[in-house]
Amino acid sequence: MTLFRPAARLAALILALAAPATAQEVTLRLHQFLPEQSFVPAHILTPWADGIEKASDGRIKIERYPSMQLGGKPTDLVDQVVDGVVDIVWTLPGYTPGRFPRTEVFELPFLVTDAEAASAAYWDLAQSQMKDTDFKDLHLLGAWVHGRGVIHSARPVRTLEDMAGLTLRAPSRTTTMLLETLGAVPVGMPVPAVPEALSKGVIDGALLPWEVSASLKVGELVHNHTEFPGKGIYVATFILAMNKDSYARLPDDLRAVIDAASGAAFSAEAGRLQQAEDIPARKAAEDLGNSIVTLSEDEATRWETAATPVTAAWIAEVAGAGIDGQALLDAARAAIAAHSH
């Protein structure tokens, strides 16, 4: 095979030189906050970008910048893509509280059982109710949630009462409300800050899905994990979003390539993949000899009942922004049900 490589390269060069001069080539910069070997970059973002490059016959090149390599903090990503500093970002709407209020409906406690169904529902609502509101300044490429959230803590959490005074990382505004309601002390911070905060004792634990806890080595820093049967205590929402002008400048055929790789099916698959990665990540904690507590149905019901004021408070709060929170929650539940198998 080695003997034919120069010939293959020459053939490719000839084809490139023979291509029409009008065949526009585009370089897009993708910026995000996790190391490139982390699960989402490695298994969702990279295959997505590779697929677009291949489908465009190399006319689209997507440069990938992990770990905030282009500067700024994770909380700056939305402004970076809106302002055109970068072309594409992957981030959490929850990193900019109040900016994407409708996305918070999927982060309400004890709503999500299956990440694939919830991600498909999230995309549906993003198109029908958020495209011209929350996402009016962005071109949305994907919208999904991770698998059911877990409490990772230095001391065991076996009952609702064990939450009292526990300082925990909260990924979003809604989880901050939830932890306060359950008696814990929430500390908001992006994912990359969690390991250092745990190692220094700034926090006692964190709300995280199993999937990301493995790449952060959370199981080596705290040795107790509390999970819930059925519905998760929370999930966080993600977006893959593009600068509107960067998208609009593309010729029609290249926009079609990006459209085909993005959207509803991509969003649902991203949710499915993240949830599937929870399984080996959970086993890694088991292999460390950590304590994993799965609450009983009765105990989980106590938590769900205790969390109901969070949903009520959220509905009342978003009403102040002219949003019918109850109608949005009903729509989210219906869409999740419609996509559940």
Protein backbone atom coordinates (compact mmCIF):
# COMPACT_ATOMS: atom_id res chain seq x y z
CA MET A 1 0.00 0.00 0.00
CA THR A 2 2.87 2.37 0.76
CA LEU A 3 3.99 2.33 -2.92
CA PHE A 4 0.67 3.80 -4.06
CA ARG A 5 0.50 6.68 -1.60
CA PRO A 6 2.50 9.18 -3.75
CA ALA A 7 0.30 8.32 -6.75
CA ALA A 8 -2.83 8.79 -4.67
CA ARG A 9 -1.58 12.15 -3.44
CA LEU A 10 -0.81 13.22 -7.00
CA ALA A 11 -4.27 12.18 -8.17
CA ALA A 12 -5.83 14.17 -5.34
CA LEU A 13 -3.74 17.19 -6.28
CA ILE A 14 -4.81 16.94 -9.93
CA LEU A 15 -8.45 16.71 -8.91
CA ALA A 16 -8.07 19.72 -6.64
CA LEU A 17 -6.46 21.76 -9.41
CA ALA A 18 -9.17 20.74 -11.82
CA ALA A 19 -11.97 21.77 -9.44
CA PRO A 20 -13.98 24.82 -10.44
CA ALA A 21 -12.52 28.07 -9.18
CA THR A 22 -15.93 28.93 -7.79
CA ALA A 23 -15.88 26.01 -5.31
CA GLN A 24 -15.67 28.00 -2.11
CA GLU A 25 -13.61 26.65 0.77
CA VAL A 26 -14.47 27.63 4.35
CA THR A 27 -12.65 27.33 7.66
CA LEU A 28 -14.80 27.36 10.79
CA ARG A 29 -13.47 27.58 14.34
CA LEU A 30 -15.15 25.43 17.00
CA HIS A 31 -14.48 26.47 20.60
CA GLN A 32 -15.45 24.57 23.75
CA PHE A 33 -14.41 24.09 27.36
CA LEU A 34 -13.47 20.42 27.81
CA PRO A 35 -10.18 18.66 26.98
CA GLU A 36 -10.30 17.04 23.55
CA GLN A 37 -10.06 13.53 25.05
CA SER A 38 -13.21 14.04 27.16
CA PHE A 39 -16.25 12.10 26.05
CA VAL A 40 -18.30 14.79 24.31
CA PRO A 41 -15.43 16.28 22.30
CA ALA A 42 -14.00 12.87 21.41
CA HIS A 43 -17.21 10.98 20.65
CA ILE A 44 -19.75 13.62 19.63
CA LEU A 45 -18.10 16.84 18.45
CA THR A 46 -15.16 15.29 16.61
CA PRO A 47 -17.24 12.75 14.63
CA TRP A 48 -19.70 15.53 13.79
CA ALA A 49 -16.92 17.80 12.50
CA ASP A 50 -15.14 14.96 10.69
CA GLY A 51 -18.39 13.99 9.01
CA ILE A 52 -18.96 17.52 7.75
CA GLU A 53 -15.43 17.77 6.39
CA LYS A 54 -15.83 14.48 4.56
CA ALA A 55 -19.32 15.22 3.22
CA SER A 56 -18.13 18.58 1.91
CA ASP A 57 -15.20 16.92 0.09
CA GLY A 58 -12.86 18.96 2.24
CA ARG A 59 -14.39 22.32 1.29
CA ILE A 60 -15.34 22.86 4.94
CA LYS A 61 -12.55 22.66 7.47
CA ILE A 62 -13.52 22.77 11.13
CA GLU A 63 -10.67 23.75 13.42
CA ARG A 64 -11.27 22.41 16.94
CA TYR A 65 -10.16 24.37 19.99
CA PRO A 66 -10.74 22.49 23.27
CA SER A 67 -10.21 23.68 26.83
CA MET A 68 -10.89 27.35 25.99
CA GLN A 69 -7.69 27.52 23.92
CA LEU A 70 -8.86 30.69 22.17
CA GLY A 71 -9.18 32.49 25.48
CA GLY A 72 -11.89 33.46 27.90
CA LYS A 73 -13.92 31.42 30.35
CA PRO A 74 -16.65 28.85 29.64
CA THR A 75 -19.18 31.53 30.56
CA ASP A 76 -17.88 33.65 27.64
CA LEU A 77 -18.63 31.11 24.91
CA VAL A 78 -22.08 32.40 24.01
CA ASP A 79 -20.82 35.95 23.57
CA GLN A 80 -17.87 34.68 21.55
CA VAL A 81 -20.10 33.00 18.99
CA VAL A 82 -22.72 35.77 18.93
CA ASP A 83 -19.98 38.38 18.37
CA GLY A 84 -18.26 36.30 15.69
CA VAL A 85 -15.04 35.82 17.65
CA VAL A 86 -15.52 32.12 16.84
CA ASP A 87 -17.85 30.39 14.40
CA ILE A 88 -19.20 27.52 16.51
CA VAL A 89 -19.39 26.77 20.23
CA TRP A 90 -20.51 23.88 22.36
CA THR A 91 -21.67 25.01 25.79
CA LEU A 92 -24.34 24.92 28.46
CA PRO A 93 -27.04 27.60 28.36
CA GLY A 94 -26.93 27.37 32.15
CA TYR A 95 -23.48 28.95 32.17
CA THR A 96 -25.18 32.28 31.35
CA PRO A 97 -28.10 32.37 33.82
CA GLY A 98 -31.20 34.21 32.65
CA ARG A 99 -30.13 34.35 29.00
CA PHE A 100 -31.93 31.20 27.88
CA PRO A 101 -34.86 30.91 30.30
CA ARG A 102 -36.93 28.51 28.20
CA THR A 103 -34.16 25.90 28.10
CA GLU A 104 -34.42 25.66 31.89
CA VAL A 105 -37.66 23.71 31.58
CA PHE A 106 -35.64 20.57 30.80
CA GLU A 107 -33.43 21.16 33.85
CA LEU A 108 -36.32 21.12 36.31
CA PRO A 109 -35.99 18.35 38.92
CA PHE A 110 -37.25 14.84 38.31
CA LEU A 111 -38.41 15.47 34.74
CA VAL A 112 -36.11 13.28 32.65
CA THR A 113 -35.85 9.50 32.60
CA ASP A 114 -34.16 8.97 29.23
CA ALA A 115 -31.66 11.39 27.68
CA GLU A 116 -32.39 10.39 24.07
CA ALA A 117 -36.12 11.08 24.37
CA ALA A 118 -35.53 14.29 26.32
CA SER A 119 -32.96 15.48 23.78
CA ALA A 120 -35.36 14.88 20.90
CA ALA A 121 -38.02 16.78 22.85
CA TYR A 122 -35.57 19.60 23.59
CA TRP A 123 -34.78 19.98 19.88
CA ASP A 124 -38.51 20.06 19.07
CA LEU A 125 -39.17 22.85 21.55
CA ALA A 126 -36.00 24.66 20.53
CA GLN A 127 -37.45 24.89 17.02
CA SER A 128 -41.06 25.60 17.93
CA GLN A 129 -40.69 27.86 20.98
CA MET A 130 -37.06 28.98 21.37
CA LYS A 131 -35.74 29.64 17.86
CA ASP A 132 -37.05 33.20 17.73
CA THR A 133 -36.72 33.88 21.45
CA ASP A 134 -33.89 32.31 23.47
CA PHE A 135 -31.87 31.43 20.36
CA LYS A 136 -32.67 34.44 18.18
CA ASP A 137 -29.01 35.53 18.12
CA LEU A 138 -27.67 32.07 17.24
CA HIS A 139 -28.00 29.46 14.53
CA LEU A 140 -28.68 26.29 16.49
CA LEU A 141 -27.02 23.09 15.29
CA GLY A 142 -27.81 20.76 18.18
CA ALA A 143 -29.61 20.74 21.53
CA TRP A 144 -29.45 17.85 23.97
CA VAL A 145 -29.25 16.74 27.59
CA HIS A 146 -27.00 14.28 29.40
CA GLY A 147 -28.00 11.19 31.35
CA ARG A 148 -29.61 11.30 34.79
CA GLY A 149 -27.69 13.38 37.29
CA VAL A 150 -25.90 11.91 40.29
CA ILE A 151 -24.78 13.34 43.64
CA HIS A 152 -21.06 12.73 44.13
CA SER A 153 -20.04 13.57 47.69
CA ALA A 154 -17.36 13.28 50.35
CA ARG A 155 -19.84 11.96 52.86
CA PRO A 156 -22.67 9.52 52.15
CA VAL A 157 -26.10 10.79 51.08
CA ARG A 158 -28.63 8.09 51.84
CA THR A 159 -31.62 10.18 52.89
CA LEU A 160 -32.99 13.64 52.23
CA GLU A 161 -31.77 14.73 55.65
CA ASP A 162 -28.16 13.99 54.64
CA MET A 163 -28.27 16.97 52.29
CA ALA A 164 -28.35 19.45 55.18
CA GLY A 165 -25.35 21.77 55.01
CA LEU A 166 -23.65 19.85 52.19
CA THR A 167 -21.76 22.21 49.86
CA LEU A 168 -22.30 20.99 46.32
CA ARG A 169 -21.42 22.21 42.85
CA ALA A 170 -24.53 23.30 40.97
CA PRO A 171 -24.39 23.31 37.16
CA SER A 172 -27.29 25.69 36.54
CA ARG A 173 -29.68 28.20 38.03
CA THR A 174 -32.41 25.61 38.44
CA THR A 175 -30.10 23.19 40.25
CA THR A 176 -29.02 26.04 42.51
CA MET A 177 -32.69 26.52 43.41
CA LEU A 178 -33.04 22.76 43.90
CA LEU A 179 -30.06 22.37 46.23
CA GLU A 180 -31.18 25.30 48.37
CA THR A 181 -34.65 23.79 48.63
CA LEU A 182 -33.21 20.43 49.68
CA GLY A 183 -31.08 22.00 52.42
CA ALA A 184 -27.68 21.95 50.70
CA VAL A 185 -25.39 24.89 49.95
CA PRO A 186 -25.03 25.36 46.16
CA VAL A 187 -21.86 26.66 44.54
CA GLY A 188 -22.12 27.48 40.85
CA MET A 189 -19.12 26.59 38.72
CA PRO A 190 -18.31 25.22 35.26
CA VAL A 191 -17.29 21.58 34.98
CA PRO A 192 -13.53 22.17 34.52
CA ALA A 193 -13.34 23.85 37.95
CA VAL A 194 -14.79 20.87 39.83
CA PRO A 195 -11.66 18.73 40.44
CA GLU A 196 -9.66 21.55 41.99
CA ALA A 197 -12.61 22.68 44.09
CA LEU A 198 -13.04 19.12 45.40
CA SER A 199 -9.34 18.59 46.08
CA LYS A 200 -9.11 21.86 48.02
CA GLY A 201 -12.28 21.19 49.99
CA VAL A 202 -14.05 24.24 48.56
CA ILE A 203 -17.02 21.97 47.90
CA ASP A 204 -18.11 18.69 49.51
CA GLY A 205 -19.31 17.24 46.25
CA ALA A 206 -20.97 17.93 42.93
CA LEU A 207 -24.02 17.29 40.83
CA LEU A 208 -22.73 15.57 37.69
CA PRO A 209 -23.75 12.77 35.36
CA TRP A 210 -21.68 9.60 35.64
CA GLU A 211 -20.27 10.22 32.16
CA VAL A 212 -18.34 13.39 32.96
CA SER A 213 -17.39 12.29 36.49
CA ALA A 214 -15.01 9.71 35.04
CA SER A 215 -13.02 12.14 32.88
CA LEU A 216 -12.78 14.54 35.83
CA LYS A 217 -11.62 11.68 38.10
CA VAL A 218 -14.28 12.64 40.61
CA GLY A 219 -14.38 9.10 41.97
CA GLU A 220 -10.79 9.49 43.12
CA LEU A 221 -11.59 12.72 44.96
CA VAL A 222 -14.84 11.73 46.68
CA HIS A 223 -15.99 8.21 47.36
CA ASN A 224 -19.78 8.38 47.69
CA HIS A 225 -22.30 8.51 44.89
CA THR A 226 -26.09 8.79 45.17
CA GLU A 227 -28.33 7.98 42.23
CA PHE A 228 -32.07 7.85 41.75
CA PRO A 229 -34.34 5.16 40.34
CA GLY A 230 -36.35 6.17 37.29
CA LYS A 231 -36.32 9.94 36.90
CA GLY A 232 -33.06 11.76 37.43
CA ILE A 233 -32.75 14.44 40.08
CA TYR A 234 -31.67 16.77 37.26
CA VAL A 235 -30.14 16.99 33.81
CA ALA A 236 -28.30 19.89 32.20
CA THR A 237 -28.96 21.23 28.72
CA PHE A 238 -26.31 21.69 26.02
CA ILE A 239 -26.23 23.58 22.74
CA LEU A 240 -24.02 23.38 19.69
CA ALA A 241 -24.49 26.77 18.07
CA MET A 242 -23.11 28.73 15.14
CA ASN A 243 -22.66 32.42 14.47
CA LYS A 244 -25.60 33.49 12.29
CA ASP A 245 -23.46 35.41 9.83
CA SER A 246 -20.96 32.55 9.50
CA TYR A 247 -23.86 30.27 8.60
CA ALA A 248 -25.50 32.77 6.23
CA ARG A 249 -22.23 33.36 4.33
CA LEU A 250 -21.96 29.71 3.36
CA PRO A 251 -23.00 28.75 -0.17
CA ASP A 252 -26.24 26.77 -0.32
CA ASP A 253 -24.55 23.40 -0.86
CA LEU A 254 -22.29 23.82 2.17
CA ARG A 255 -25.18 24.95 4.35
CA ALA A 256 -26.94 21.77 3.25
CA VAL A 257 -23.94 19.69 4.40
CA ILE A 258 -24.04 21.26 7.86
CA ASP A 259 -27.82 20.95 8.05
CA ALA A 260 -27.69 17.25 7.19
CA ALA A 261 -25.17 16.56 9.98
CA SER A 262 -27.06 18.60 12.57
CA GLY A 263 -30.58 18.98 13.93
CA ALA A 264 -33.08 16.52 15.35
CA ALA A 265 -31.36 13.17 14.72
CA PHE A 266 -27.96 14.50 15.77
CA SER A 267 -29.40 15.95 19.00
CA ALA A 268 -31.16 12.73 19.97
CA GLU A 269 -28.05 10.67 19.20
CA ALA A 270 -25.86 13.00 21.26
CA GLY A 271 -28.16 12.50 24.25
CA ARG A 272 -28.15 8.72 23.72
CA LEU A 273 -24.36 8.59 23.51
CA GLN A 274 -23.80 10.62 26.66
CA GLN A 275 -26.26 8.49 28.61
CA ALA A 276 -24.66 5.27 27.33
CA GLU A 277 -21.29 6.45 28.63
CA ASP A 278 -22.76 6.58 32.14
CA ILE A 279 -22.47 2.78 32.31
CA PRO A 280 -18.66 2.40 32.04
CA ALA A 281 -18.16 5.54 34.13
CA ARG A 282 -20.30 4.08 36.91
CA LYS A 283 -18.32 0.84 36.74
CA ALA A 284 -15.10 2.84 37.14
CA ALA A 285 -16.41 4.16 40.46
CA GLU A 286 -17.35 0.62 41.49
CA ASP A 287 -13.86 -0.59 40.58
CA LEU A 288 -12.41 2.07 42.89
CA GLY A 289 -14.39 0.51 45.73
CA ASN A 290 -16.59 3.58 46.13
CA SER A 291 -20.00 3.49 47.78
CA ILE A 292 -22.87 3.80 45.31
CA VAL A 293 -26.31 4.30 46.84
CA THR A 294 -29.41 3.92 44.70
CA LEU A 295 -32.31 5.39 46.65
CA SER A 296 -35.42 3.32 47.15
CA GLU A 297 -38.60 4.32 45.34
CA ASP A 298 -40.09 5.54 48.62
CA GLU A 299 -37.07 7.66 49.50
CA ALA A 300 -36.87 9.05 45.97
CA THR A 301 -40.53 10.04 46.23
CA ARG A 302 -39.70 12.04 49.36
CA TRP A 303 -37.06 13.95 47.38
CA GLU A 304 -39.41 14.52 44.47
CA THR A 305 -42.07 15.88 46.81
CA ALA A 306 -39.54 18.12 48.52
CA ALA A 307 -38.46 19.49 45.13
CA THR A 308 -41.93 20.51 43.94
CA PRO A 309 -41.53 24.12 45.17
CA VAL A 310 -38.63 24.52 42.73
CA THR A 311 -40.87 23.93 39.73
CA ALA A 312 -43.57 26.19 41.15
CA ALA A 313 -41.04 28.95 41.83
CA TRP A 314 -39.61 28.64 38.32
CA ILE A 315 -43.06 28.93 36.73
CA ALA A 316 -43.81 32.04 38.79
CA GLU A 317 -40.41 33.54 38.01
CA VAL A 318 -40.47 33.14 34.22
CA ALA A 319 -43.97 34.60 34.15
CA GLY A 320 -42.24 37.89 34.93
CA ALA A 321 -40.47 37.57 31.58
CA GLY A 322 -43.74 36.94 29.78
CA ILE A 323 -43.25 33.16 29.57
CA ASP A 324 -46.05 30.72 30.34
CA GLY A 325 -43.92 28.28 32.29
CA GLN A 326 -46.69 25.79 32.96
CA ALA A 327 -47.55 25.59 29.26
CA LEU A 328 -43.87 25.14 28.41
CA LEU A 329 -43.50 22.40 31.03
CA ASP A 330 -46.62 20.65 29.71
CA ALA A 331 -45.19 20.85 26.18
CA ALA A 332 -41.85 19.44 27.36
CA ARG A 333 -43.55 16.53 29.12
CA ALA A 334 -45.70 15.79 26.08
CA ALA A 335 -42.70 15.92 23.74
CA ILE A 336 -40.67 13.62 25.99
CA ALA A 337 -43.58 11.18 26.12
CA ALA A 338 -43.95 11.32 22.34
CA HIS A 339 -40.28 10.43 21.85
CA SER A 340 -40.14 7.73 24.55
CA HIS A 341 -40.03 4.13 23.36
